[in-house]
Amino acid sequence: MSAKNLPFSIEEFQRRIRATKQSMQSRGIDVLVATDPANMNYLTGYDGWSFYTPQVVIIALNAEQPICIVRQMDANGGRVTTFLADDNMIGYPDTYVQSTERHPMDWIAEEMTRRGMHKGTIGVEMDAYYYTAASHAALCKGLPNASMVDATALVNWVRIIKSEREI
């Protein structure tokens, strides 16, 4: 990871991820799929107006870094605004955008499967504004070996406890 002009240190982002993982563990969640832009920013620094298409930050208990998946044309912005390694800042192809034949969550589910994040208990932000019914249906279909649970506000409750730097 190269040094970037981030609003917070990498250590601060790591603290946030640890706190999120602790909350996940207490709720029996193995993998969290965050779709709320504020939560995505809090966890990674991702700062883009790309929420017009499905996008996620995925945190797995057994992975050191989150994965951020956005539309391909927005991924380079993520490489500038996050601390993530390049292989954890991913763009899905434009053939998934506004398609009636496929959904971006199809591609995201495939990526989660490639990374071994396709089973166990997966928490999703069911009441996040940009997490649509179609997104949920596609993710459930693409991850048939997972148990989906509502993780609405999990990150929000982590965010409420401010660090010294945040204050």
C-alpha atoms as a PDB file:
ATOM      1  CA  MET A   1       0.000   0.000   0.000  1.00  0.00           C
ATOM      2  CA  SER A   2       1.361   3.354  -0.940  1.00  0.00           C
ATOM      3  CA  ALA A   3       0.906   6.409   1.224  1.00  0.00           C
ATOM      4  CA  LYS A   4      -2.179   8.286   0.111  1.00  0.00           C
ATOM      5  CA  ASN A   5      -3.763  11.539   1.110  1.00  0.00           C
ATOM      6  CA  LEU A   6      -6.436   9.923   3.301  1.00  0.00           C
ATOM      7  CA  PRO A   7      -8.619  11.838   5.759  1.00  0.00           C
ATOM      8  CA  PHE A   8      -7.659   9.288   8.439  1.00  0.00           C
ATOM      9  CA  SER A   9      -4.636   7.068   9.002  1.00  0.00           C
ATOM     10  CA  ILE A  10      -4.571   3.460   7.895  1.00  0.00           C
ATOM     11  CA  GLU A  11      -4.454   2.591  11.597  1.00  0.00           C
ATOM     12  CA  GLU A  12      -7.769   4.415  12.107  1.00  0.00           C
ATOM     13  CA  PHE A  13      -9.382   2.440   9.288  1.00  0.00           C
ATOM     14  CA  GLN A  14      -7.968  -0.779  10.782  1.00  0.00           C
ATOM     15  CA  ARG A  15      -9.453   0.167  14.180  1.00  0.00           C
ATOM     16  CA  ARG A  16     -12.847   0.645  12.518  1.00  0.00           C
ATOM     17  CA  ILE A  17     -12.596  -2.716  10.777  1.00  0.00           C
ATOM     18  CA  ARG A  18     -11.620  -4.474  14.024  1.00  0.00           C
ATOM     19  CA  ALA A  19     -14.605  -2.907  15.810  1.00  0.00           C
ATOM     20  CA  THR A  20     -16.893  -3.939  12.948  1.00  0.00           C
ATOM     21  CA  LYS A  21     -15.567  -7.497  13.060  1.00  0.00           C
ATOM     22  CA  GLN A  22     -16.170  -7.629  16.822  1.00  0.00           C
ATOM     23  CA  SER A  23     -19.780  -6.586  16.223  1.00  0.00           C
ATOM     24  CA  MET A  24     -20.083  -9.162  13.452  1.00  0.00           C
ATOM     25  CA  GLN A  25     -18.755 -11.899  15.736  1.00  0.00           C
ATOM     26  CA  SER A  26     -21.183 -10.956  18.502  1.00  0.00           C
ATOM     27  CA  ARG A  27     -24.043 -11.372  16.004  1.00  0.00           C
ATOM     28  CA  GLY A  28     -22.746 -14.593  14.440  1.00  0.00           C
ATOM     29  CA  ILE A  29     -21.946 -12.972  11.091  1.00  0.00           C
ATOM     30  CA  ASP A  30     -19.031 -14.367   9.060  1.00  0.00           C
ATOM     31  CA  VAL A  31     -19.172 -11.917   6.156  1.00  0.00           C
ATOM     32  CA  LEU A  32     -20.683  -8.439   6.006  1.00  0.00           C
ATOM     33  CA  VAL A  33     -21.856  -6.838   2.760  1.00  0.00           C
ATOM     34  CA  ALA A  34     -22.124  -3.091   3.373  1.00  0.00           C
ATOM     35  CA  THR A  35     -23.951  -1.053   0.742  1.00  0.00           C
ATOM     36  CA  ASP A  36     -24.654   2.210   2.546  1.00  0.00           C
ATOM     37  CA  PRO A  37     -22.269   4.808   1.020  1.00  0.00           C
ATOM     38  CA  ALA A  38     -21.577   6.321   4.460  1.00  0.00           C
ATOM     39  CA  ASN A  39     -20.602   2.924   5.839  1.00  0.00           C
ATOM     40  CA  MET A  40     -18.473   2.149   2.802  1.00  0.00           C
ATOM     41  CA  ASN A  41     -16.647   5.441   3.338  1.00  0.00           C
ATOM     42  CA  TYR A  42     -16.235   4.832   7.067  1.00  0.00           C
ATOM     43  CA  LEU A  43     -14.691   1.407   6.521  1.00  0.00           C
ATOM     44  CA  THR A  44     -12.409   2.140   3.557  1.00  0.00           C
ATOM     45  CA  GLY A  45     -12.308   5.848   2.773  1.00  0.00           C
ATOM     46  CA  TYR A  46     -14.109   5.218  -0.531  1.00  0.00           C
ATOM     47  CA  ASP A  47     -15.492   8.563  -1.615  1.00  0.00           C
ATOM     48  CA  GLY A  48     -17.334   8.572  -4.898  1.00  0.00           C
ATOM     49  CA  TRP A  49     -20.722   9.443  -6.318  1.00  0.00           C
ATOM     50  CA  SER A  50     -21.040   5.969  -7.777  1.00  0.00           C
ATOM     51  CA  PHE A  51     -23.999   4.807  -5.697  1.00  0.00           C
ATOM     52  CA  TYR A  52     -26.160   5.147  -8.804  1.00  0.00           C
ATOM     53  CA  THR A  53     -25.134   1.541  -9.467  1.00  0.00           C
ATOM     54  CA  PRO A  54     -24.806  -1.334  -6.991  1.00  0.00           C
ATOM     55  CA  GLN A  55     -21.596  -1.226  -4.982  1.00  0.00           C
ATOM     56  CA  VAL A  56     -20.379  -2.945  -1.837  1.00  0.00           C
ATOM     57  CA  VAL A  57     -17.696  -3.158   0.797  1.00  0.00           C
ATOM     58  CA  ILE A  58     -17.268  -6.722   1.986  1.00  0.00           C
ATOM     59  CA  ILE A  59     -15.703  -7.543   5.328  1.00  0.00           C
ATOM     60  CA  ALA A  60     -14.944 -11.161   6.152  1.00  0.00           C
ATOM     61  CA  LEU A  61     -13.810 -12.237   9.590  1.00  0.00           C
ATOM     62  CA  ASN A  62     -10.981 -14.259   8.053  1.00  0.00           C
ATOM     63  CA  ALA A  63      -9.727 -11.540   5.658  1.00  0.00           C
ATOM     64  CA  GLU A  64      -7.271  -8.844   6.665  1.00  0.00           C
ATOM     65  CA  GLN A  65      -8.641  -6.160   4.356  1.00  0.00           C
ATOM     66  CA  PRO A  66     -12.123  -5.368   3.117  1.00  0.00           C
ATOM     67  CA  ILE A  67     -12.978  -5.685  -0.536  1.00  0.00           C
ATOM     68  CA  CYS A  68     -14.631  -2.769  -2.280  1.00  0.00           C
ATOM     69  CA  ILE A  69     -16.526  -3.576  -5.474  1.00  0.00           C
ATOM     70  CA  VAL A  70     -17.918  -0.796  -7.645  1.00  0.00           C
ATOM     71  CA  ARG A  71     -18.643  -0.177 -11.305  1.00  0.00           C
ATOM     72  CA  GLN A  72     -15.436  -0.628 -13.339  1.00  0.00           C
ATOM     73  CA  MET A  73     -15.254   3.028 -14.349  1.00  0.00           C
ATOM     74  CA  ASP A  74     -15.382   4.055 -10.667  1.00  0.00           C
ATOM     75  CA  ALA A  75     -12.696   1.660  -9.405  1.00  0.00           C
ATOM     76  CA  ASN A  76      -9.782   3.988 -10.167  1.00  0.00           C
ATOM     77  CA  GLY A  77     -11.362   6.645  -7.959  1.00  0.00           C
ATOM     78  CA  GLY A  78     -11.404   4.040  -5.220  1.00  0.00           C
ATOM     79  CA  ARG A  79      -7.723   3.391  -5.676  1.00  0.00           C
ATOM     80  CA  VAL A  80      -7.124   7.072  -4.911  1.00  0.00           C
ATOM     81  CA  THR A  81      -9.552   7.481  -1.999  1.00  0.00           C
ATOM     82  CA  THR A  82      -9.029   4.229  -0.078  1.00  0.00           C
ATOM     83  CA  PHE A  83      -6.177   2.499   1.694  1.00  0.00           C
ATOM     84  CA  LEU A  84      -7.043  -0.806   0.020  1.00  0.00           C
ATOM     85  CA  ALA A  85      -4.599  -2.891  -1.943  1.00  0.00           C
ATOM     86  CA  ASP A  86      -5.304  -2.719  -5.680  1.00  0.00           C
ATOM     87  CA  ASP A  87      -6.586  -6.310  -5.761  1.00  0.00           C
ATOM     88  CA  ASN A  88      -9.161  -5.405  -3.109  1.00  0.00           C
ATOM     89  CA  MET A  89     -10.505  -2.396  -5.049  1.00  0.00           C
ATOM     90  CA  ILE A  90     -12.410  -4.065  -7.854  1.00  0.00           C
ATOM     91  CA  GLY A  91     -14.638  -2.926 -10.683  1.00  0.00           C
ATOM     92  CA  TYR A  92     -17.301  -5.058 -12.285  1.00  0.00           C
ATOM     93  CA  PRO A  93     -17.792  -4.866 -16.076  1.00  0.00           C
ATOM     94  CA  ASP A  94     -20.192  -2.379 -17.622  1.00  0.00           C
ATOM     95  CA  THR A  95     -22.099  -5.263 -19.231  1.00  0.00           C
ATOM     96  CA  TYR A  96     -23.781  -5.609 -15.810  1.00  0.00           C
ATOM     97  CA  VAL A  97     -24.941  -1.994 -15.642  1.00  0.00           C
ATOM     98  CA  GLN A  98     -28.645  -1.476 -16.414  1.00  0.00           C
ATOM     99  CA  SER A  99     -28.836  -4.960 -17.899  1.00  0.00           C
ATOM    100  CA  THR A 100     -32.055  -6.951 -17.963  1.00  0.00           C
ATOM    101  CA  GLU A 101     -30.037 -10.172 -18.409  1.00  0.00           C
ATOM    102  CA  ARG A 102     -27.644  -9.904 -15.476  1.00  0.00           C
ATOM    103  CA  HIS A 103     -27.239  -7.924 -12.264  1.00  0.00           C
ATOM    104  CA  PRO A 104     -24.060  -6.495 -10.709  1.00  0.00           C
ATOM    105  CA  MET A 105     -24.770  -8.620  -7.617  1.00  0.00           C
ATOM    106  CA  ASP A 106     -24.381 -11.696  -9.852  1.00  0.00           C
ATOM    107  CA  TRP A 107     -20.787 -10.639 -10.483  1.00  0.00           C
ATOM    108  CA  ILE A 108     -20.278  -9.692  -6.826  1.00  0.00           C
ATOM    109  CA  ALA A 109     -21.536 -13.119  -5.701  1.00  0.00           C
ATOM    110  CA  GLU A 110     -19.111 -14.773  -8.130  1.00  0.00           C
ATOM    111  CA  GLU A 111     -16.237 -12.699  -6.728  1.00  0.00           C
ATOM    112  CA  MET A 112     -17.245 -13.600  -3.188  1.00  0.00           C
ATOM    113  CA  THR A 113     -17.248 -17.267  -4.200  1.00  0.00           C
ATOM    114  CA  ARG A 114     -13.796 -16.921  -5.820  1.00  0.00           C
ATOM    115  CA  ARG A 115     -12.523 -15.515  -2.511  1.00  0.00           C
ATOM    116  CA  GLY A 116     -14.187 -18.160  -0.327  1.00  0.00           C
ATOM    117  CA  MET A 117     -16.782 -15.759   1.099  1.00  0.00           C
ATOM    118  CA  HIS A 118     -19.778 -17.673  -0.235  1.00  0.00           C
ATOM    119  CA  LYS A 119     -20.985 -19.654   2.765  1.00  0.00           C
ATOM    120  CA  GLY A 120     -21.694 -19.270   6.438  1.00  0.00           C
ATOM    121  CA  THR A 121     -23.725 -16.361   7.721  1.00  0.00           C
ATOM    122  CA  ILE A 122     -23.677 -13.274   5.534  1.00  0.00           C
ATOM    123  CA  GLY A 123     -25.020 -10.007   6.878  1.00  0.00           C
ATOM    124  CA  VAL A 124     -26.558  -7.502   4.479  1.00  0.00           C
ATOM    125  CA  GLU A 125     -27.885  -4.020   5.119  1.00  0.00           C
ATOM    126  CA  MET A 126     -31.517  -4.782   4.309  1.00  0.00           C
ATOM    127  CA  ASP A 127     -32.671  -1.222   5.026  1.00  0.00           C
ATOM    128  CA  ALA A 128     -29.872   0.591   3.191  1.00  0.00           C
ATOM    129  CA  TYR A 129     -31.291   3.019   0.668  1.00  0.00           C
ATOM    130  CA  TYR A 130     -29.356   1.671  -2.327  1.00  0.00           C
ATOM    131  CA  TYR A 131     -29.709  -2.056  -1.533  1.00  0.00           C
ATOM    132  CA  THR A 132     -32.653  -2.944  -3.732  1.00  0.00           C
ATOM    133  CA  ALA A 133     -34.897  -5.989  -3.763  1.00  0.00           C
ATOM    134  CA  ALA A 134     -33.270  -6.995  -7.066  1.00  0.00           C
ATOM    135  CA  SER A 135     -29.828  -6.693  -5.451  1.00  0.00           C
ATOM    136  CA  HIS A 136     -30.889  -8.927  -2.584  1.00  0.00           C
ATOM    137  CA  ALA A 137     -32.514 -11.508  -4.851  1.00  0.00           C
ATOM    138  CA  ALA A 138     -29.419 -11.706  -7.075  1.00  0.00           C
ATOM    139  CA  LEU A 139     -27.058 -11.992  -4.107  1.00  0.00           C
ATOM    140  CA  CYS A 140     -29.163 -14.739  -2.504  1.00  0.00           C
ATOM    141  CA  LYS A 141     -29.375 -16.644  -5.786  1.00  0.00           C
ATOM    142  CA  GLY A 142     -25.618 -16.330  -6.327  1.00  0.00           C
ATOM    143  CA  LEU A 143     -24.763 -17.472  -2.784  1.00  0.00           C
ATOM    144  CA  PRO A 144     -27.045 -20.488  -2.236  1.00  0.00           C
ATOM    145  CA  ASN A 145     -24.821 -21.995   0.483  1.00  0.00           C
ATOM    146  CA  ALA A 146     -25.017 -18.909   2.689  1.00  0.00           C
ATOM    147  CA  SER A 147     -27.511 -17.914   5.308  1.00  0.00           C
ATOM    148  CA  MET A 148     -28.473 -14.266   4.775  1.00  0.00           C
ATOM    149  CA  VAL A 149     -29.273 -12.141   7.826  1.00  0.00           C
ATOM    150  CA  ASP A 150     -30.193  -8.509   8.279  1.00  0.00           C
ATOM    151  CA  ALA A 151     -27.199  -6.466   9.415  1.00  0.00           C
ATOM    152  CA  THR A 152     -28.859  -3.073   9.095  1.00  0.00           C
ATOM    153  CA  ALA A 153     -27.166  -0.508  11.339  1.00  0.00           C
ATOM    154  CA  LEU A 154     -24.333  -2.857  12.379  1.00  0.00           C
ATOM    155  CA  VAL A 155     -21.723  -0.426  11.044  1.00  0.00           C
ATOM    156  CA  ASN A 156     -23.804   2.561  12.130  1.00  0.00           C
ATOM    157  CA  TRP A 157     -23.563   1.444  15.755  1.00  0.00           C
ATOM    158  CA  VAL A 158     -19.795   1.008  15.381  1.00  0.00           C
ATOM    159  CA  ARG A 159     -19.586   4.507  13.881  1.00  0.00           C
ATOM    160  CA  ILE A 160     -21.314   6.071  16.866  1.00  0.00           C
ATOM    161  CA  ILE A 161     -18.249   5.507  19.089  1.00  0.00           C
ATOM    162  CA  LYS A 162     -15.787   8.170  17.965  1.00  0.00           C
ATOM    163  CA  SER A 163     -12.024   7.874  18.097  1.00  0.00           C
ATOM    164  CA  GLU A 164      -9.824  10.724  19.254  1.00  0.00           C
ATOM    165  CA  ARG A 165      -9.018  11.600  15.628  1.00  0.00           C
ATOM    166  CA  GLU A 166     -12.684  11.612  14.631  1.00  0.00           C
ATOM    167  CA  ILE A 167     -13.538  13.954  17.473  1.00  0.00           C
END
